[in-house]
Amino acid sequence: MLDERHLREFTGGDFEFQKQVLGMFLEHAPKYLEILCRSDNDNWRSDAHKLKGAARSIGAWRLAREAERAEQMGYPPENDPRRVRIGKELLVRLEQTILAIQELDNGQ
């Protein structure tokens, strides 16, 4: 769920910086998803882009791909059933990513 090699390269192998990066992800990514999934969200594409970028920065490729799918939808109307489906899938991917981060923290 988490590309540890990418994360090490991204943080230059600096363990403290890695902890900061992961902490920022844990703080911001759930908020990005919450905002994205609001039924009145008029910024669907840009909010999906934020989540994609956050996921890519830490090597959470599955979450990033799902966020990219959401981004490619453009600006779906409020009643578009794809919004709910992709929101649920993003939530699953985010939860998996959070678990991977917790496992990484416990292993170090």
PDB file of N, CA and C in Angstrom:
ATOM      1  N   MET A   1       0.794  -1.199   0.000  1.00  0.00           N
ATOM      2  CA  MET A   1       0.000   0.000   0.000  1.00  0.00           C
ATOM      3  C   MET A   1       0.838   1.265   0.000  1.00  0.00           C
ATOM      4  N   LEU A   2       2.091   1.124   0.436  1.00  0.00           N
ATOM      5  CA  LEU A   2       2.972   2.279   0.540  1.00  0.00           C
ATOM      6  C   LEU A   2       4.334   1.893  -0.032  1.00  0.00           C
ATOM      7  N   ASP A   3       4.796   2.668  -0.981  1.00  0.00           N
ATOM      8  CA  ASP A   3       6.087   2.404  -1.608  1.00  0.00           C
ATOM      9  C   ASP A   3       7.167   3.024  -0.716  1.00  0.00           C
ATOM     10  N   GLU A   4       7.733   2.207   0.154  1.00  0.00           N
ATOM     11  CA  GLU A   4       8.712   2.700   1.128  1.00  0.00           C
ATOM     12  C   GLU A   4       9.976   3.208   0.451  1.00  0.00           C
ATOM     13  N   ARG A   5      10.337   2.612  -0.639  1.00  0.00           N
ATOM     14  CA  ARG A   5      11.525   3.073  -1.373  1.00  0.00           C
ATOM     15  C   ARG A   5      11.302   4.489  -1.890  1.00  0.00           C
ATOM     16  N   HIS A   6      10.145   4.713  -2.481  1.00  0.00           N
ATOM     17  CA  HIS A   6       9.817   6.059  -2.960  1.00  0.00           C
ATOM     18  C   HIS A   6       9.832   7.057  -1.796  1.00  0.00           C
ATOM     19  N   LEU A   7       9.241   6.669  -0.688  1.00  0.00           N
ATOM     20  CA  LEU A   7       9.177   7.542   0.481  1.00  0.00           C
ATOM     21  C   LEU A   7      10.579   7.890   0.977  1.00  0.00           C
ATOM     22  N   ARG A   8      11.457   6.907   1.029  1.00  0.00           N
ATOM     23  CA  ARG A   8      12.846   7.161   1.451  1.00  0.00           C
ATOM     24  C   ARG A   8      13.538   8.123   0.484  1.00  0.00           C
ATOM     25  N   GLU A   9      13.325   7.894  -0.816  1.00  0.00           N
ATOM     26  CA  GLU A   9      13.939   8.775  -1.818  1.00  0.00           C
ATOM     27  C   GLU A   9      13.364  10.182  -1.720  1.00  0.00           C
ATOM     28  N   PHE A  10      12.060  10.282  -1.540  1.00  0.00           N
ATOM     29  CA  PHE A  10      11.389  11.581  -1.446  1.00  0.00           C
ATOM     30  C   PHE A  10      11.889  12.379  -0.244  1.00  0.00           C
ATOM     31  N   THR A  11      12.170  11.681   0.839  1.00  0.00           N
ATOM     32  CA  THR A  11      12.602  12.352   2.071  1.00  0.00           C
ATOM     33  C   THR A  11      14.121  12.338   2.240  1.00  0.00           C
ATOM     34  N   GLY A  12      14.823  11.849   1.249  1.00  0.00           N
ATOM     35  CA  GLY A  12      16.273  11.819   1.311  1.00  0.00           C
ATOM     36  C   GLY A  12      16.803  10.897   2.400  1.00  0.00           C
ATOM     37  N   GLY A  13      15.991   9.938   2.803  1.00  0.00           N
ATOM     38  CA  GLY A  13      16.397   8.998   3.845  1.00  0.00           C
ATOM     39  C   GLY A  13      16.375   9.590   5.245  1.00  0.00           C
ATOM     40  N   ASP A  14      15.885  10.802   5.368  1.00  0.00           N
ATOM     41  CA  ASP A  14      15.819  11.487   6.660  1.00  0.00           C
ATOM     42  C   ASP A  14      14.575  11.006   7.405  1.00  0.00           C
ATOM     43  N   PHE A  15      14.796  10.195   8.433  1.00  0.00           N
ATOM     44  CA  PHE A  15      13.688   9.582   9.167  1.00  0.00           C
ATOM     45  C   PHE A  15      12.765  10.622   9.796  1.00  0.00           C
ATOM     46  N   GLU A  16      13.328  11.672  10.370  1.00  0.00           N
ATOM     47  CA  GLU A  16      12.496  12.710  10.995  1.00  0.00           C
ATOM     48  C   GLU A  16      11.658  13.435   9.956  1.00  0.00           C
ATOM     49  N   PHE A  17      12.247  13.729   8.805  1.00  0.00           N
ATOM     50  CA  PHE A  17      11.499  14.376   7.727  1.00  0.00           C
ATOM     51  C   PHE A  17      10.395  13.448   7.226  1.00  0.00           C
ATOM     52  N   GLN A  18      10.700  12.164   7.135  1.00  0.00           N
ATOM     53  CA  GLN A  18       9.701  11.176   6.720  1.00  0.00           C
ATOM     54  C   GLN A  18       8.513  11.199   7.675  1.00  0.00           C
ATOM     55  N   LYS A  19       8.790  11.244   8.972  1.00  0.00           N
ATOM     56  CA  LYS A  19       7.714  11.304   9.959  1.00  0.00           C
ATOM     57  C   LYS A  19       6.875  12.568   9.773  1.00  0.00           C
ATOM     58  N   GLN A  20       7.519  13.687   9.471  1.00  0.00           N
ATOM     59  CA  GLN A  20       6.796  14.935   9.241  1.00  0.00           C
ATOM     60  C   GLN A  20       5.907  14.839   8.009  1.00  0.00           C
ATOM     61  N   VAL A  21       6.451  14.283   6.933  1.00  0.00           N
ATOM     62  CA  VAL A  21       5.699  14.136   5.687  1.00  0.00           C
ATOM     63  C   VAL A  21       4.485  13.237   5.903  1.00  0.00           C
ATOM     64  N   LEU A  22       4.701  12.118   6.572  1.00  0.00           N
ATOM     65  CA  LEU A  22       3.585  11.205   6.833  1.00  0.00           C
ATOM     66  C   LEU A  22       2.571  11.840   7.777  1.00  0.00           C
ATOM     67  N   GLY A  23       3.040  12.603   8.752  1.00  0.00           N
ATOM     68  CA  GLY A  23       2.138  13.303   9.658  1.00  0.00           C
ATOM     69  C   GLY A  23       1.271  14.308   8.925  1.00  0.00           C
ATOM     70  N   MET A  24       1.879  15.030   7.978  1.00  0.00           N
ATOM     71  CA  MET A  24       1.108  15.986   7.181  1.00  0.00           C
ATOM     72  C   MET A  24       0.078  15.264   6.324  1.00  0.00           C
ATOM     73  N   PHE A  25       0.484  14.125   5.759  1.00  0.00           N
ATOM     74  CA  PHE A  25      -0.461  13.339   4.963  1.00  0.00           C
ATOM     75  C   PHE A  25      -1.644  12.913   5.829  1.00  0.00           C
ATOM     76  N   LEU A  26      -1.347  12.374   7.009  1.00  0.00           N
ATOM     77  CA  LEU A  26      -2.414  11.903   7.903  1.00  0.00           C
ATOM     78  C   LEU A  26      -3.329  13.045   8.348  1.00  0.00           C
ATOM     79  N   GLU A  27      -2.784  14.223   8.449  1.00  0.00           N
ATOM     80  CA  GLU A  27      -3.580  15.381   8.847  1.00  0.00           C
ATOM     81  C   GLU A  27      -4.454  15.901   7.705  1.00  0.00           C
ATOM     82  N   HIS A  28      -3.902  15.930   6.500  1.00  0.00           N
ATOM     83  CA  HIS A  28      -4.595  16.592   5.394  1.00  0.00           C
ATOM     84  C   HIS A  28      -5.413  15.674   4.485  1.00  0.00           C
ATOM     85  N   ALA A  29      -4.925  14.478   4.210  1.00  0.00           N
ATOM     86  CA  ALA A  29      -5.605  13.606   3.239  1.00  0.00           C
ATOM     87  C   ALA A  29      -7.052  13.287   3.628  1.00  0.00           C
ATOM     88  N   PRO A  30      -7.339  12.962   4.888  1.00  0.00           N
ATOM     89  CA  PRO A  30      -8.746  12.705   5.228  1.00  0.00           C
ATOM     90  C   PRO A  30      -9.642  13.940   5.006  1.00  0.00           C
ATOM     91  N   LYS A  31      -9.090  15.122   5.237  1.00  0.00           N
ATOM     92  CA  LYS A  31      -9.859  16.349   4.994  1.00  0.00           C
ATOM     93  C   LYS A  31     -10.107  16.539   3.507  1.00  0.00           C
ATOM     94  N   TYR A  32      -9.087  16.254   2.689  1.00  0.00           N
ATOM     95  CA  TYR A  32      -9.269  16.358   1.240  1.00  0.00           C
ATOM     96  C   TYR A  32     -10.392  15.440   0.777  1.00  0.00           C
ATOM     97  N   LEU A  33     -10.393  14.218   1.300  1.00  0.00           N
ATOM     98  CA  LEU A  33     -11.428  13.261   0.911  1.00  0.00           C
ATOM     99  C   LEU A  33     -12.800  13.709   1.395  1.00  0.00           C
ATOM    100  N   GLU A  34     -12.866  14.191   2.618  1.00  0.00           N
ATOM    101  CA  GLU A  34     -14.146  14.656   3.157  1.00  0.00           C
ATOM    102  C   GLU A  34     -14.723  15.783   2.297  1.00  0.00           C
ATOM    103  N   ILE A  35     -13.881  16.735   1.943  1.00  0.00           N
ATOM    104  CA  ILE A  35     -14.341  17.855   1.111  1.00  0.00           C
ATOM    105  C   ILE A  35     -14.735  17.359  -0.272  1.00  0.00           C
ATOM    106  N   LEU A  36     -13.934  16.480  -0.838  1.00  0.00           N
ATOM    107  CA  LEU A  36     -14.221  15.936  -2.164  1.00  0.00           C
ATOM    108  C   LEU A  36     -15.586  15.273  -2.202  1.00  0.00           C
ATOM    109  N   CYS A  37     -15.929  14.541  -1.167  1.00  0.00           N
ATOM    110  CA  CYS A  37     -17.147  13.738  -1.169  1.00  0.00           C
ATOM    111  C   CYS A  37     -18.406  14.501  -0.747  1.00  0.00           C
ATOM    112  N   ARG A  38     -18.276  15.756  -0.419  1.00  0.00           N
ATOM    113  CA  ARG A  38     -19.479  16.532  -0.103  1.00  0.00           C
ATOM    114  C   ARG A  38     -20.365  16.605  -1.336  1.00  0.00           C
ATOM    115  N   SER A  39     -21.660  16.453  -1.123  1.00  0.00           N
ATOM    116  CA  SER A  39     -22.579  16.458  -2.257  1.00  0.00           C
ATOM    117  C   SER A  39     -22.611  17.805  -2.972  1.00  0.00           C
ATOM    118  N   ASP A  40     -22.288  18.876  -2.263  1.00  0.00           N
ATOM    119  CA  ASP A  40     -22.323  20.204  -2.876  1.00  0.00           C
ATOM    120  C   ASP A  40     -20.954  20.666  -3.369  1.00  0.00           C
ATOM    121  N   ASN A  41     -20.012  19.739  -3.519  1.00  0.00           N
ATOM    122  CA  ASN A  41     -18.660  20.100  -3.944  1.00  0.00           C
ATOM    123  C   ASN A  41     -18.662  20.521  -5.410  1.00  0.00           C
ATOM    124  N   ASP A  42     -18.311  21.782  -5.630  1.00  0.00           N
ATOM    125  CA  ASP A  42     -18.204  22.299  -7.000  1.00  0.00           C
ATOM    126  C   ASP A  42     -16.766  22.278  -7.504  1.00  0.00           C
ATOM    127  N   ASN A  43     -15.840  21.829  -6.662  1.00  0.00           N
ATOM    128  CA  ASN A  43     -14.428  21.800  -7.021  1.00  0.00           C
ATOM    129  C   ASN A  43     -13.904  20.376  -7.100  1.00  0.00           C
ATOM    130  N   TRP A  44     -14.742  19.475  -7.565  1.00  0.00           N
ATOM    131  CA  TRP A  44     -14.429  18.049  -7.588  1.00  0.00           C
ATOM    132  C   TRP A  44     -13.043  17.781  -8.162  1.00  0.00           C
ATOM    133  N   ARG A  45     -12.798  18.301  -9.331  1.00  0.00           N
ATOM    134  CA  ARG A  45     -11.545  17.990 -10.026  1.00  0.00           C
ATOM    135  C   ARG A  45     -10.327  18.484  -9.247  1.00  0.00           C
ATOM    136  N   SER A  46     -10.346  19.712  -8.780  1.00  0.00           N
ATOM    137  CA  SER A  46      -9.179  20.240  -8.066  1.00  0.00           C
ATOM    138  C   SER A  46      -9.003  19.564  -6.708  1.00  0.00           C
ATOM    139  N   ASP A  47     -10.100  19.192  -6.054  1.00  0.00           N
ATOM    140  CA  ASP A  47      -9.984  18.489  -4.770  1.00  0.00           C
ATOM    141  C   ASP A  47      -9.443  17.075  -4.965  1.00  0.00           C
ATOM    142  N   ALA A  48      -9.853  16.421  -6.047  1.00  0.00           N
ATOM    143  CA  ALA A  48      -9.300  15.098  -6.365  1.00  0.00           C
ATOM    144  C   ALA A  48      -7.810  15.223  -6.680  1.00  0.00           C
ATOM    145  N   HIS A  49      -7.439  16.310  -7.329  1.00  0.00           N
ATOM    146  CA  HIS A  49      -6.034  16.546  -7.665  1.00  0.00           C
ATOM    147  C   HIS A  49      -5.185  16.698  -6.399  1.00  0.00           C
ATOM    148  N   LYS A  50      -5.699  17.376  -5.402  1.00  0.00           N
ATOM    149  CA  LYS A  50      -4.985  17.539  -4.129  1.00  0.00           C
ATOM    150  C   LYS A  50      -4.740  16.181  -3.469  1.00  0.00           C
ATOM    151  N   LEU A  51      -5.774  15.360  -3.453  1.00  0.00           N
ATOM    152  CA  LEU A  51      -5.638  14.037  -2.843  1.00  0.00           C
ATOM    153  C   LEU A  51      -4.643  13.190  -3.627  1.00  0.00           C
ATOM    154  N   LYS A  52      -4.704  13.277  -4.932  1.00  0.00           N
ATOM    155  CA  LYS A  52      -3.765  12.531  -5.781  1.00  0.00           C
ATOM    156  C   LYS A  52      -2.330  12.954  -5.486  1.00  0.00           C
ATOM    157  N   GLY A  53      -2.097  14.239  -5.400  1.00  0.00           N
ATOM    158  CA  GLY A  53      -0.751  14.738  -5.127  1.00  0.00           C
ATOM    159  C   GLY A  53      -0.232  14.304  -3.770  1.00  0.00           C
ATOM    160  N   ALA A  54      -1.099  14.364  -2.772  1.00  0.00           N
ATOM    161  CA  ALA A  54      -0.699  13.931  -1.429  1.00  0.00           C
ATOM    162  C   ALA A  54      -0.324  12.456  -1.434  1.00  0.00           C
ATOM    163  N   ALA A  55      -1.122  11.651  -2.117  1.00  0.00           N
ATOM    164  CA  ALA A  55      -0.861  10.208  -2.183  1.00  0.00           C
ATOM    165  C   ALA A  55       0.433   9.914  -2.932  1.00  0.00           C
ATOM    166  N   ARG A  56       0.637  10.596  -4.031  1.00  0.00           N
ATOM    167  CA  ARG A  56       1.857  10.367  -4.810  1.00  0.00           C
ATOM    168  C   ARG A  56       3.107  10.754  -4.029  1.00  0.00           C
ATOM    169  N   SER A  57       3.008  11.793  -3.253  1.00  0.00           N
ATOM    170  CA  SER A  57       4.192  12.266  -2.535  1.00  0.00           C
ATOM    171  C   SER A  57       4.737  11.214  -1.573  1.00  0.00           C
ATOM    172  N   ILE A  58       3.860  10.378  -1.037  1.00  0.00           N
ATOM    173  CA  ILE A  58       4.330   9.360  -0.078  1.00  0.00           C
ATOM    174  C   ILE A  58       4.419   7.964  -0.699  1.00  0.00           C
ATOM    175  N   GLY A  59       4.073   7.848  -1.969  1.00  0.00           N
ATOM    176  CA  GLY A  59       4.155   6.537  -2.620  1.00  0.00           C
ATOM    177  C   GLY A  59       2.940   5.661  -2.392  1.00  0.00           C
ATOM    178  N   ALA A  60       1.785   6.278  -2.162  1.00  0.00           N
ATOM    179  CA  ALA A  60       0.527   5.533  -2.007  1.00  0.00           C
ATOM    180  C   ALA A  60      -0.120   5.447  -3.397  1.00  0.00           C
ATOM    181  N   TRP A  61       0.425   4.577  -4.218  1.00  0.00           N
ATOM    182  CA  TRP A  61       0.063   4.546  -5.635  1.00  0.00           C
ATOM    183  C   TRP A  61      -1.386   4.158  -5.882  1.00  0.00           C
ATOM    184  N   ARG A  62      -1.932   3.218  -5.130  1.00  0.00           N
ATOM    185  CA  ARG A  62      -3.324   2.804  -5.357  1.00  0.00           C
ATOM    186  C   ARG A  62      -4.296   3.937  -5.043  1.00  0.00           C
ATOM    187  N   LEU A  63      -4.036   4.624  -3.964  1.00  0.00           N
ATOM    188  CA  LEU A  63      -4.861   5.780  -3.618  1.00  0.00           C
ATOM    189  C   LEU A  63      -4.709   6.859  -4.681  1.00  0.00           C
ATOM    190  N   ALA A  64      -3.500   7.084  -5.138  1.00  0.00           N
ATOM    191  CA  ALA A  64      -3.243   8.099  -6.164  1.00  0.00           C
ATOM    192  C   ALA A  64      -3.984   7.770  -7.462  1.00  0.00           C
ATOM    193  N   ARG A  65      -3.971   6.491  -7.850  1.00  0.00           N
ATOM    194  CA  ARG A  65      -4.674   6.095  -9.086  1.00  0.00           C
ATOM    195  C   ARG A  65      -6.172   6.320  -8.961  1.00  0.00           C
ATOM    196  N   GLU A  66      -6.717   6.004  -7.801  1.00  0.00           N
ATOM    197  CA  GLU A  66      -8.157   6.194  -7.597  1.00  0.00           C
ATOM    198  C   GLU A  66      -8.503   7.686  -7.602  1.00  0.00           C
ATOM    199  N   ALA A  67      -7.654   8.484  -6.989  1.00  0.00           N
ATOM    200  CA  ALA A  67      -7.878   9.935  -6.989  1.00  0.00           C
ATOM    201  C   ALA A  67      -7.751  10.486  -8.412  1.00  0.00           C
ATOM    202  N   GLU A  68      -6.855   9.916  -9.178  1.00  0.00           N
ATOM    203  CA  GLU A  68      -6.714  10.341 -10.568  1.00  0.00           C
ATOM    204  C   GLU A  68      -7.975  10.010 -11.362  1.00  0.00           C
ATOM    205  N   ARG A  69      -8.560   8.853 -11.106  1.00  0.00           N
ATOM    206  CA  ARG A  69      -9.837   8.498 -11.758  1.00  0.00           C
ATOM    207  C   ARG A  69     -10.900   9.539 -11.430  1.00  0.00           C
ATOM    208  N   ALA A  70     -10.938   9.949 -10.168  1.00  0.00           N
ATOM    209  CA  ALA A  70     -11.908  10.969  -9.755  1.00  0.00           C
ATOM    210  C   ALA A  70     -11.613  12.282 -10.470  1.00  0.00           C
ATOM    211  N   GLU A  71     -10.353  12.631 -10.543  1.00  0.00           N
ATOM    212  CA  GLU A  71      -9.959  13.878 -11.203  1.00  0.00           C
ATOM    213  C   GLU A  71     -10.368  13.870 -12.675  1.00  0.00           C
ATOM    214  N   GLN A  72     -10.207  12.734 -13.328  1.00  0.00           N
ATOM    215  CA  GLN A  72     -10.529  12.627 -14.746  1.00  0.00           C
ATOM    216  C   GLN A  72     -12.024  12.717 -15.023  1.00  0.00           C
ATOM    217  N   MET A  73     -12.822  12.593 -13.982  1.00  0.00           N
ATOM    218  CA  MET A  73     -14.277  12.747 -14.158  1.00  0.00           C
ATOM    219  C   MET A  73     -14.644  14.194 -14.436  1.00  0.00           C
ATOM    220  N   GLY A  74     -13.716  15.093 -14.197  1.00  0.00           N
ATOM    221  CA  GLY A  74     -14.001  16.509 -14.408  1.00  0.00           C
ATOM    222  C   GLY A  74     -14.847  17.059 -13.275  1.00  0.00           C
ATOM    223  N   TYR A  75     -16.005  17.554 -13.606  1.00  0.00           N
ATOM    224  CA  TYR A  75     -16.919  18.137 -12.620  1.00  0.00           C
ATOM    225  C   TYR A  75     -18.272  17.444 -12.736  1.00  0.00           C
ATOM    226  N   PRO A  76     -18.379  16.228 -12.180  1.00  0.00           N
ATOM    227  CA  PRO A  76     -19.643  15.485 -12.305  1.00  0.00           C
ATOM    228  C   PRO A  76     -20.758  16.187 -11.539  1.00  0.00           C
ATOM    229  N   PRO A  77     -21.981  16.112 -12.054  1.00  0.00           N
ATOM    230  CA  PRO A  77     -23.106  16.730 -11.344  1.00  0.00           C
ATOM    231  C   PRO A  77     -23.334  16.064  -9.988  1.00  0.00           C
ATOM    232  N   GLU A  78     -23.972  16.798  -9.104  1.00  0.00           N
ATOM    233  CA  GLU A  78     -24.225  16.318  -7.733  1.00  0.00           C
ATOM    234  C   GLU A  78     -24.866  14.941  -7.690  1.00  0.00           C
ATOM    235  N   ASN A  79     -25.771  14.680  -8.588  1.00  0.00           N
ATOM    236  CA  ASN A  79     -26.539  13.430  -8.549  1.00  0.00           C
ATOM    237  C   ASN A  79     -25.877  12.297  -9.340  1.00  0.00           C
ATOM    238  N   ASP A  80     -24.664  12.494  -9.795  1.00  0.00           N
ATOM    239  CA  ASP A  80     -23.957  11.467 -10.557  1.00  0.00           C
ATOM    240  C   ASP A  80     -23.592  10.319  -9.607  1.00  0.00           C
ATOM    241  N   PRO A  81     -24.102   9.103  -9.849  1.00  0.00           N
ATOM    242  CA  PRO A  81     -23.838   7.981  -8.944  1.00  0.00           C
ATOM    243  C   PRO A  81     -22.352   7.595  -8.870  1.00  0.00           C
ATOM    244  N   ARG A  82     -21.577   7.999  -9.854  1.00  0.00           N
ATOM    245  CA  ARG A  82     -20.137   7.692  -9.828  1.00  0.00           C
ATOM    246  C   ARG A  82     -19.454   8.400  -8.669  1.00  0.00           C
ATOM    247  N   ARG A  83     -19.986   9.541  -8.259  1.00  0.00           N
ATOM    248  CA  ARG A  83     -19.385  10.279  -7.147  1.00  0.00           C
ATOM    249  C   ARG A  83     -19.394   9.436  -5.875  1.00  0.00           C
ATOM    250  N   VAL A  84     -20.512   8.786  -5.618  1.00  0.00           N
ATOM    251  CA  VAL A  84     -20.623   7.952  -4.413  1.00  0.00           C
ATOM    252  C   VAL A  84     -19.714   6.735  -4.524  1.00  0.00           C
ATOM    253  N   ARG A  85     -19.734   6.087  -5.666  1.00  0.00           N
ATOM    254  CA  ARG A  85     -18.909   4.886  -5.860  1.00  0.00           C
ATOM    255  C   ARG A  85     -17.425   5.198  -5.692  1.00  0.00           C
ATOM    256  N   ILE A  86     -16.970   6.237  -6.347  1.00  0.00           N
ATOM    257  CA  ILE A  86     -15.543   6.545  -6.263  1.00  0.00           C
ATOM    258  C   ILE A  86     -15.188   7.060  -4.869  1.00  0.00           C
ATOM    259  N   GLY A  87     -16.114   7.750  -4.222  1.00  0.00           N
ATOM    260  CA  GLY A  87     -15.879   8.194  -2.852  1.00  0.00           C
ATOM    261  C   GLY A  87     -15.669   7.019  -1.908  1.00  0.00           C
ATOM    262  N   LYS A  88     -16.474   5.983  -2.071  1.00  0.00           N
ATOM    263  CA  LYS A  88     -16.318   4.777  -1.239  1.00  0.00           C
ATOM    264  C   LYS A  88     -14.994   4.095  -1.513  1.00  0.00           C
ATOM    265  N   GLU A  89     -14.610   4.014  -2.769  1.00  0.00           N
ATOM    266  CA  GLU A  89     -13.344   3.377  -3.121  1.00  0.00           C
ATOM    267  C   GLU A  89     -12.170   4.190  -2.591  1.00  0.00           C
ATOM    268  N   LEU A  90     -12.262   5.507  -2.693  1.00  0.00           N
ATOM    269  CA  LEU A  90     -11.204   6.361  -2.142  1.00  0.00           C
ATOM    270  C   LEU A  90     -11.080   6.171  -0.634  1.00  0.00           C
ATOM    271  N   LEU A  91     -12.200   6.038   0.042  1.00  0.00           N
ATOM    272  CA  LEU A  91     -12.169   5.832   1.484  1.00  0.00           C
ATOM    273  C   LEU A  91     -11.457   4.524   1.832  1.00  0.00           C
ATOM    274  N   VAL A  92     -11.754   3.468   1.102  1.00  0.00           N
ATOM    275  CA  VAL A  92     -11.081   2.176   1.329  1.00  0.00           C
ATOM    276  C   VAL A  92      -9.581   2.319   1.115  1.00  0.00           C
ATOM    277  N   ARG A  93      -9.202   2.966   0.019  1.00  0.00           N
ATOM    278  CA  ARG A  93      -7.774   3.146  -0.291  1.00  0.00           C
ATOM    279  C   ARG A  93      -7.084   4.012   0.765  1.00  0.00           C
ATOM    280  N   LEU A  94      -7.768   5.048   1.220  1.00  0.00           N
ATOM    281  CA  LEU A  94      -7.191   5.906   2.250  1.00  0.00           C
ATOM    282  C   LEU A  94      -7.001   5.130   3.552  1.00  0.00           C
ATOM    283  N   GLU A  95      -7.998   4.348   3.931  1.00  0.00           N
ATOM    284  CA  GLU A  95      -7.878   3.546   5.152  1.00  0.00           C
ATOM    285  C   GLU A  95      -6.722   2.557   5.044  1.00  0.00           C
ATOM    286  N   GLN A  96      -6.542   1.949   3.880  1.00  0.00           N
ATOM    287  CA  GLN A  96      -5.431   1.023   3.667  1.00  0.00           C
ATOM    288  C   GLN A  96      -4.092   1.751   3.784  1.00  0.00           C
ATOM    289  N   THR A  97      -4.049   2.946   3.253  1.00  0.00           N
ATOM    290  CA  THR A  97      -2.819   3.745   3.315  1.00  0.00           C
ATOM    291  C   THR A  97      -2.496   4.123   4.754  1.00  0.00           C
ATOM    292  N   ILE A  98      -3.510   4.518   5.501  1.00  0.00           N
ATOM    293  CA  ILE A  98      -3.309   4.881   6.906  1.00  0.00           C
ATOM    294  C   ILE A  98      -2.793   3.675   7.694  1.00  0.00           C
ATOM    295  N   LEU A  99      -3.358   2.508   7.441  1.00  0.00           N
ATOM    296  CA  LEU A  99      -2.866   1.288   8.107  1.00  0.00           C
ATOM    297  C   LEU A  99      -1.414   1.009   7.752  1.00  0.00           C
ATOM    298  N   ALA A 100      -1.060   1.207   6.493  1.00  0.00           N
ATOM    299  CA  ALA A 100       0.327   0.984   6.068  1.00  0.00           C
ATOM    300  C   ALA A 100       1.263   1.965   6.764  1.00  0.00           C
ATOM    301  N   ILE A 101       0.830   3.199   6.930  1.00  0.00           N
ATOM    302  CA  ILE A 101       1.648   4.193   7.638  1.00  0.00           C
ATOM    303  C   ILE A 101       1.814   3.787   9.098  1.00  0.00           C
ATOM    304  N   GLN A 102       0.745   3.335   9.715  1.00  0.00           N
ATOM    305  CA  GLN A 102       0.815   2.903  11.110  1.00  0.00           C
ATOM    306  C   GLN A 102       1.746   1.709  11.265  1.00  0.00           C
ATOM    307  N   GLU A 103       1.691   0.764  10.331  1.00  0.00           N
ATOM    308  CA  GLU A 103       2.587  -0.390  10.369  1.00  0.00           C
ATOM    309  C   GLU A 103       4.031   0.041  10.195  1.00  0.00           C
ATOM    310  N   LEU A 104       4.255   1.001   9.308  1.00  0.00           N
ATOM    311  CA  LEU A 104       5.593   1.516   9.103  1.00  0.00           C
ATOM    312  C   LEU A 104       6.116   2.179  10.365  1.00  0.00           C
ATOM    313  N   ASP A 105       5.265   2.972  11.010  1.00  0.00           N
ATOM    314  CA  ASP A 105       5.657   3.635  12.255  1.00  0.00           C
ATOM    315  C   ASP A 105       5.980   2.620  13.344  1.00  0.00           C
ATOM    316  N   ASN A 106       5.192   1.555  13.424  1.00  0.00           N
ATOM    317  CA  ASN A 106       5.423   0.527  14.442  1.00  0.00           C
ATOM    318  C   ASN A 106       6.687  -0.271  14.183  1.00  0.00           C
ATOM    319  N   GLY A 107       7.060  -0.392  12.919  1.00  0.00           N
ATOM    320  CA  GLY A 107       8.241  -1.167  12.560  1.00  0.00           C
ATOM    321  C   GLY A 107       9.544  -0.400  12.693  1.00  0.00           C
ATOM    322  N   GLN A 108       9.437   0.911  12.913  1.00  0.00           N
ATOM    323  CA  GLN A 108      10.677   1.699  12.977  1.00  0.00           C
ATOM    324  C   GLN A 108      10.922   2.208  14.323  1.00  0.00           C
TER     325      GLN A 108
END
